[in-house]
Amino acid sequence: MKWIQVKIGAASENIEQITGFLMDHGIENTQIDDEAALLQFLRDNPYQWDYIDDTLISGETKPASVLFWVPSSPAGLEILNGIKSDLAEIGANPASMETDLVDDEDWLNEWKKYFKPVKIGRQVVVRPEWEPYAPQADEIVFSINPGHVFGTGLHQTTQMCIEFLEDYVTPGCSILDLGCGSGILSIIGILLGAGNAFGCDLDPSAEQNAIENAGLNNIPPKSFEIVTGNAISDEPLRTVILDKPKFDIVTANIVADAVIALTGLIALCVKQDGIFISSGIIGQRLEEVKTAVESNGFSIIDIKSKDDWYCLAARYA
């Protein structure tokens, strides 16, 4: 099927108005490119990043844009013409509107050819939902639709966390997953035998994404709870976490600054002899993280590394 790809250029402050306008016209799937908003986010949340592209923070940002698609058909052209005329009337001031003809094979399916089931560690197989896979007797299959912003679960930091989960998950144990994203570690932990998991993430879209992935893996809703919030600064969320029974395992696959900032909280909500798995740590920050972990009552029992990314397993004494 042919599609018309439409790119609306606009000032950053008009992007929200334009996306709302498009939703009113039945366009729910949009792609936003807004370097100015990203730069402001990086400035407002400096602790979340160990490194970013210097060209992004030192150079001029390009104009923002919204990308969407309509069918290349009489109906699609009618929608597009209506959008063009109505957009001018609302005063959203688009800087430009560009169109291009694309085939859905190009942007929906082509990339899928390159993502196949991958085995991680001793047991876990990450399987894209469209790929059939017959597991061996000892394998645990985690199914995912990676068409989301949270990735495929194949990054080095995630792989190392999964390998540690294989080592430390015990039947019926509880997991706290800080910065859970699409729920990959929580869900895999449950598939490995954990009784329940509680996850939280800054991104509001993480909750729905994680629920979808849990459904793909037949995880009962009562076994996996996820909320949106910042466990570093959100006191009501910290209270919710601390009011829960202490956890057997805590995972934090984030970045070094966030791991360091969260370690004090984790020490309060993990059981005696509980396990803290932390990742997203680049080599130059490893010693800082080790110091923070050990100064909060943990003993580091294992360290993994892949391509200068590090993952720690620590036991609370």
Protein backbone atom coordinates (compact mmCIF):
# COMPACT_ATOMS: atom_id res chain seq x y z
CA MET A 1 0.00 0.00 0.00
CA LYS A 2 1.24 3.51 -0.81
CA TRP A 3 1.20 6.27 1.81
CA ILE A 4 1.73 10.01 1.74
CA GLN A 5 4.32 11.02 4.30
CA VAL A 6 3.70 14.56 5.56
CA LYS A 7 6.22 16.70 7.43
CA ILE A 8 5.04 19.90 9.10
CA GLY A 9 7.79 22.25 10.22
CA ALA A 10 6.89 24.65 13.02
CA ALA A 11 8.21 26.55 15.97
CA SER A 12 8.77 24.38 19.04
CA GLU A 13 6.06 26.20 21.01
CA ASN A 14 3.46 25.29 18.36
CA ILE A 15 4.15 21.55 18.22
CA GLU A 16 1.66 20.59 20.92
CA GLN A 17 -1.08 22.63 19.25
CA ILE A 18 -0.36 20.97 15.89
CA THR A 19 -0.40 17.42 17.27
CA GLY A 20 -3.68 18.12 19.04
CA PHE A 21 -5.09 19.54 15.82
CA LEU A 22 -4.00 16.40 13.92
CA MET A 23 -5.68 14.16 16.50
CA ASP A 24 -8.90 16.07 15.91
CA HIS A 25 -8.51 15.11 12.25
CA GLY A 26 -8.07 11.42 13.10
CA ILE A 27 -4.25 11.40 12.90
CA GLU A 28 -3.17 9.66 16.12
CA ASN A 29 0.26 8.32 15.08
CA THR A 30 2.75 11.14 14.75
CA GLN A 31 6.51 11.42 15.02
CA ILE A 32 7.87 14.57 16.68
CA ASP A 33 11.37 15.90 16.03
CA ASP A 34 12.05 18.74 18.46
CA GLU A 35 15.69 19.27 19.38
CA ALA A 36 14.92 22.39 21.42
CA ALA A 37 12.58 20.44 23.71
CA LEU A 38 15.13 17.64 24.06
CA LEU A 39 17.86 20.12 24.91
CA GLN A 40 15.68 21.72 27.58
CA PHE A 41 14.94 18.27 29.02
CA LEU A 42 18.68 17.53 29.21
CA ARG A 43 19.28 20.83 30.99
CA ASP A 44 16.47 20.21 33.46
CA ASN A 45 17.56 16.62 34.19
CA PRO A 46 21.37 16.62 34.19
CA TYR A 47 21.68 13.63 36.53
CA GLN A 48 20.10 11.26 34.02
CA TRP A 49 22.87 11.29 31.40
CA ASP A 50 26.49 10.25 31.47
CA TYR A 51 27.16 11.57 28.00
CA ILE A 52 25.30 13.25 25.16
CA ASP A 53 26.33 14.36 21.69
CA ASP A 54 28.31 17.60 22.03
CA THR A 55 26.90 18.85 18.74
CA LEU A 56 23.42 18.78 20.27
CA ILE A 57 24.23 20.99 23.24
CA SER A 58 26.76 23.32 21.62
CA GLY A 59 25.31 23.99 18.16
CA GLU A 60 22.12 25.53 16.91
CA THR A 61 19.07 23.30 17.00
CA LYS A 62 17.15 22.66 13.80
CA PRO A 63 13.46 23.68 13.54
CA ALA A 64 10.92 21.33 15.10
CA SER A 65 8.67 19.17 12.95
CA VAL A 66 5.77 16.73 13.10
CA LEU A 67 5.69 13.70 10.78
CA PHE A 68 2.54 11.72 9.94
CA TRP A 69 1.10 9.54 7.20
CA VAL A 70 -2.18 9.33 5.27
CA PRO A 71 -3.14 6.71 2.66
CA SER A 72 -2.35 7.58 -0.95
CA SER A 73 -5.99 7.34 -1.97
CA PRO A 74 -8.89 9.71 -2.64
CA ALA A 75 -9.86 9.48 1.02
CA GLY A 76 -6.31 10.14 2.17
CA LEU A 77 -5.97 13.13 -0.16
CA GLU A 78 -9.24 14.52 1.18
CA ILE A 79 -7.90 14.25 4.74
CA LEU A 80 -4.66 15.96 3.73
CA ASN A 81 -6.42 18.80 1.91
CA GLY A 82 -8.63 19.36 4.95
CA ILE A 83 -5.59 19.47 7.20
CA LYS A 84 -3.85 21.98 4.94
CA SER A 85 -6.78 24.39 4.87
CA ASP A 86 -7.78 24.06 8.53
CA LEU A 87 -4.20 24.35 9.81
CA ALA A 88 -3.88 27.83 8.37
CA GLU A 89 -7.10 28.92 10.07
CA ILE A 90 -6.09 27.97 13.61
CA GLY A 91 -2.97 30.15 13.52
CA ALA A 92 -0.49 27.38 14.31
CA ASN A 93 1.87 29.01 11.82
CA PRO A 94 3.53 25.98 10.23
CA ALA A 95 6.88 26.99 8.79
CA SER A 96 6.57 24.44 6.01
CA MET A 97 4.68 21.37 4.84
CA GLU A 98 6.45 18.71 2.80
CA THR A 99 4.98 15.54 1.32
CA ASP A 100 6.54 12.37 -0.01
CA LEU A 101 5.18 9.08 -1.34
CA VAL A 102 6.32 5.97 0.54
CA ASP A 103 5.46 2.28 0.62
CA ASP A 104 4.41 0.72 3.92
CA GLU A 105 6.95 -2.02 3.23
CA ASP A 106 9.63 0.60 3.72
CA TRP A 107 8.63 1.85 7.16
CA LEU A 108 6.54 -0.88 8.75
CA ASN A 109 8.00 -4.24 7.78
CA GLU A 110 11.43 -3.99 6.20
CA TRP A 111 13.34 -3.61 9.46
CA LYS A 112 11.66 -6.66 10.95
CA LYS A 113 13.81 -8.91 8.75
CA TYR A 114 16.80 -8.04 10.89
CA PHE A 115 15.36 -8.77 14.34
CA LYS A 116 15.30 -12.48 15.11
CA PRO A 117 15.01 -14.42 18.39
CA VAL A 118 18.16 -13.98 20.48
CA LYS A 119 19.25 -16.11 23.42
CA ILE A 120 20.65 -14.24 26.42
CA GLY A 121 22.45 -16.03 29.22
CA ARG A 122 21.58 -19.66 29.93
CA GLN A 123 17.80 -19.61 29.54
CA VAL A 124 16.21 -16.42 28.28
CA VAL A 125 15.25 -15.99 24.63
CA VAL A 126 14.04 -12.56 23.47
CA ARG A 127 11.56 -13.14 20.65
CA PRO A 128 9.90 -10.46 18.49
CA GLU A 129 6.20 -11.26 18.58
CA TRP A 130 5.96 -11.94 14.83
CA GLU A 131 8.73 -14.57 14.84
CA PRO A 132 7.80 -18.20 15.60
CA TYR A 133 10.14 -19.93 18.01
CA ALA A 134 10.15 -23.43 19.49
CA PRO A 135 11.90 -23.23 22.88
CA GLN A 136 14.19 -25.93 24.16
CA ALA A 137 13.20 -27.64 27.38
CA ASP A 138 15.09 -25.24 29.67
CA GLU A 139 14.45 -21.98 27.80
CA ILE A 140 12.29 -19.07 28.91
CA VAL A 141 10.84 -17.06 26.00
CA PHE A 142 10.18 -13.34 26.44
CA SER A 143 8.00 -11.96 23.64
CA ILE A 144 8.19 -8.28 22.74
CA ASN A 145 6.87 -5.87 20.16
CA PRO A 146 9.91 -3.62 19.71
CA GLY A 147 8.07 -1.03 17.69
CA HIS A 148 8.11 1.17 20.81
CA VAL A 149 10.51 3.85 22.00
CA PHE A 150 11.94 1.69 24.77
CA GLY A 151 13.95 -0.61 22.50
CA THR A 152 14.30 -4.32 21.98
CA GLY A 153 15.84 -5.53 25.24
CA LEU A 154 19.07 -6.40 23.45
CA HIS A 155 21.27 -3.54 24.66
CA GLN A 156 24.37 -4.66 26.54
CA THR A 157 23.16 -3.20 29.84
CA THR A 158 19.85 -5.05 29.62
CA GLN A 159 21.52 -8.31 28.64
CA MET A 160 23.77 -8.19 31.71
CA CYS A 161 20.81 -7.51 34.00
CA ILE A 162 18.99 -10.50 32.48
CA GLU A 163 22.02 -12.70 33.08
CA PHE A 164 22.08 -11.65 36.75
CA LEU A 165 18.33 -12.26 37.07
CA GLU A 166 18.99 -15.83 35.93
CA ASP A 167 21.46 -16.14 38.80
CA TYR A 168 19.42 -14.58 41.59
CA VAL A 169 15.69 -14.99 40.94
CA THR A 170 14.20 -17.61 43.25
CA PRO A 171 10.68 -19.08 43.15
CA GLY A 172 8.13 -16.57 44.46
CA CYS A 173 10.60 -13.75 45.11
CA SER A 174 9.67 -10.07 44.73
CA ILE A 175 11.28 -7.55 42.38
CA LEU A 176 11.46 -3.75 42.42
CA ASP A 177 12.35 -2.38 38.98
CA LEU A 178 13.40 1.28 39.06
CA GLY A 179 13.44 2.91 35.64
CA CYS A 180 11.52 -0.07 34.29
CA GLY A 181 10.86 1.30 30.78
CA SER A 182 8.78 -1.28 28.93
CA GLY A 183 8.94 -3.72 31.85
CA ILE A 184 11.50 -6.04 30.29
CA LEU A 185 13.36 -6.91 33.50
CA SER A 186 10.19 -7.19 35.59
CA ILE A 187 8.50 -9.49 33.09
CA ILE A 188 11.55 -11.65 32.53
CA GLY A 189 11.98 -11.92 36.30
CA ILE A 190 8.42 -13.21 36.62
CA LEU A 191 8.95 -15.63 33.74
CA LEU A 192 12.01 -16.91 35.61
CA GLY A 193 9.87 -17.62 38.67
CA ALA A 194 9.48 -14.39 40.65
CA GLY A 195 6.12 -14.04 42.34
CA ASN A 196 5.57 -10.34 41.65
CA ALA A 197 7.23 -7.16 40.43
CA PHE A 198 6.69 -3.45 41.02
CA GLY A 199 8.06 -1.04 38.43
CA CYS A 200 8.24 2.70 38.02
CA ASP A 201 9.51 5.00 35.28
CA LEU A 202 9.69 8.72 34.55
CA ASP A 203 8.12 8.38 31.12
CA PRO A 204 4.29 8.36 31.24
CA SER A 205 4.17 6.14 28.15
CA ALA A 206 6.13 3.41 29.93
CA GLU A 207 3.09 2.19 31.84
CA GLN A 208 1.00 1.29 28.79
CA ASN A 209 4.03 -0.12 26.98
CA ALA A 210 4.84 -2.38 29.94
CA ILE A 211 1.23 -3.51 30.26
CA GLU A 212 1.24 -4.47 26.57
CA ASN A 213 4.43 -6.49 26.96
CA ALA A 214 3.07 -8.17 30.07
CA GLY A 215 0.00 -9.19 28.09
CA LEU A 216 2.16 -10.63 25.31
CA ASN A 217 3.79 -12.87 27.93
CA ASN A 218 0.58 -13.86 29.76
CA ILE A 219 1.64 -12.15 32.98
CA PRO A 220 -1.35 -11.85 35.36
CA PRO A 221 -2.13 -8.20 36.20
CA LYS A 222 -1.89 -8.97 39.92
CA SER A 223 1.74 -10.04 39.46
CA PHE A 224 3.02 -6.83 37.89
CA GLU A 225 2.28 -3.29 39.06
CA ILE A 226 3.73 -0.22 37.36
CA VAL A 227 3.44 3.49 38.14
CA THR A 228 4.80 6.71 36.68
CA GLY A 229 7.08 8.90 38.75
CA ASN A 230 10.59 9.91 39.77
CA ALA A 231 11.82 7.72 42.61
CA ILE A 232 14.62 10.20 43.29
CA SER A 233 12.50 13.29 43.97
CA ASP A 234 8.85 12.19 44.08
CA GLU A 235 8.14 11.81 47.80
CA PRO A 236 4.67 10.25 47.40
CA LEU A 237 6.18 7.59 45.11
CA ARG A 238 9.04 6.96 47.54
CA THR A 239 6.46 6.52 50.29
CA VAL A 240 4.53 4.00 48.18
CA ILE A 241 7.72 2.02 47.61
CA LEU A 242 8.76 2.12 51.26
CA ASP A 243 5.28 1.09 52.43
CA LYS A 244 5.48 -2.15 50.45
CA PRO A 245 7.01 -5.32 51.93
CA LYS A 246 10.75 -5.29 51.39
CA PHE A 247 11.93 -6.70 48.08
CA ASP A 248 14.18 -9.67 47.40
CA ILE A 249 15.68 -8.11 44.26
CA VAL A 250 15.98 -4.51 43.10
CA THR A 251 17.00 -3.65 39.54
CA ALA A 252 18.08 -0.23 38.25
CA ASN A 253 19.15 -0.25 34.61
CA ILE A 254 19.46 3.51 34.25
CA VAL A 255 22.68 5.61 34.32
CA ALA A 256 25.36 6.16 36.94
CA ASP A 257 24.00 9.39 38.45
CA ALA A 258 20.54 7.92 38.92
CA VAL A 259 21.92 4.69 40.39
CA ILE A 260 23.99 6.72 42.86
CA ALA A 261 21.02 8.89 43.81
CA LEU A 262 18.74 5.87 44.33
CA THR A 263 21.05 3.64 46.33
CA GLY A 264 20.01 5.10 49.70
CA LEU A 265 16.34 4.42 48.95
CA ILE A 266 17.14 0.91 47.72
CA ALA A 267 18.95 0.12 50.97
CA LEU A 268 15.72 0.92 52.84
CA CYS A 269 13.43 -1.24 50.73
CA VAL A 270 15.50 -4.38 50.05
CA LYS A 271 15.48 -7.39 52.36
CA GLN A 272 18.43 -8.52 54.42
CA ASP A 273 20.65 -10.50 52.01
CA GLY A 274 18.59 -9.07 49.13
CA ILE A 275 20.18 -8.41 45.75
CA PHE A 276 20.68 -5.06 44.03
CA ILE A 277 21.38 -5.24 40.28
CA SER A 278 22.51 -1.92 38.80
CA SER A 279 23.47 -1.21 35.21
CA GLY A 280 23.72 1.51 32.57
CA ILE A 281 27.16 2.35 34.00
CA ILE A 282 30.00 3.43 31.71
CA GLY A 283 33.57 2.56 32.66
CA GLN A 284 34.60 6.03 33.80
CA ARG A 285 31.75 6.11 36.35
CA LEU A 286 32.22 2.58 37.71
CA GLU A 287 34.23 3.51 40.81
CA GLU A 288 31.74 6.20 41.81
CA VAL A 289 28.87 3.72 41.62
CA LYS A 290 30.81 1.08 43.55
CA THR A 291 31.54 3.60 46.31
CA ALA A 292 27.88 4.64 46.56
CA VAL A 293 26.68 1.04 46.64
CA GLU A 294 29.17 -0.08 49.28
CA SER A 295 28.64 3.02 51.46
CA ASN A 296 24.94 2.16 51.71
CA GLY A 297 25.43 -1.28 53.22
CA PHE A 298 25.83 -3.44 50.11
CA SER A 299 28.65 -5.84 49.33
CA ILE A 300 29.46 -6.16 45.64
CA ILE A 301 29.44 -9.85 44.75
CA ASP A 302 29.82 -9.79 40.97
CA ILE A 303 30.56 -7.40 38.10
CA LYS A 304 29.82 -7.94 34.42
CA SER A 305 31.04 -5.84 31.49
CA LYS A 306 30.20 -5.59 27.80
CA ASP A 307 31.74 -2.96 25.50
CA ASP A 308 32.64 -0.62 28.39
CA TRP A 309 29.18 -0.92 29.93
CA TYR A 310 29.15 -2.35 33.47
CA CYS A 311 26.58 -4.11 35.62
CA LEU A 312 26.91 -4.76 39.36
CA ALA A 313 25.31 -7.37 41.57
CA ALA A 314 25.43 -6.46 45.26
CA ARG A 315 24.05 -8.08 48.41
CA TYR A 316 22.58 -6.10 51.29
CA ALA A 317 24.35 -7.09 54.50
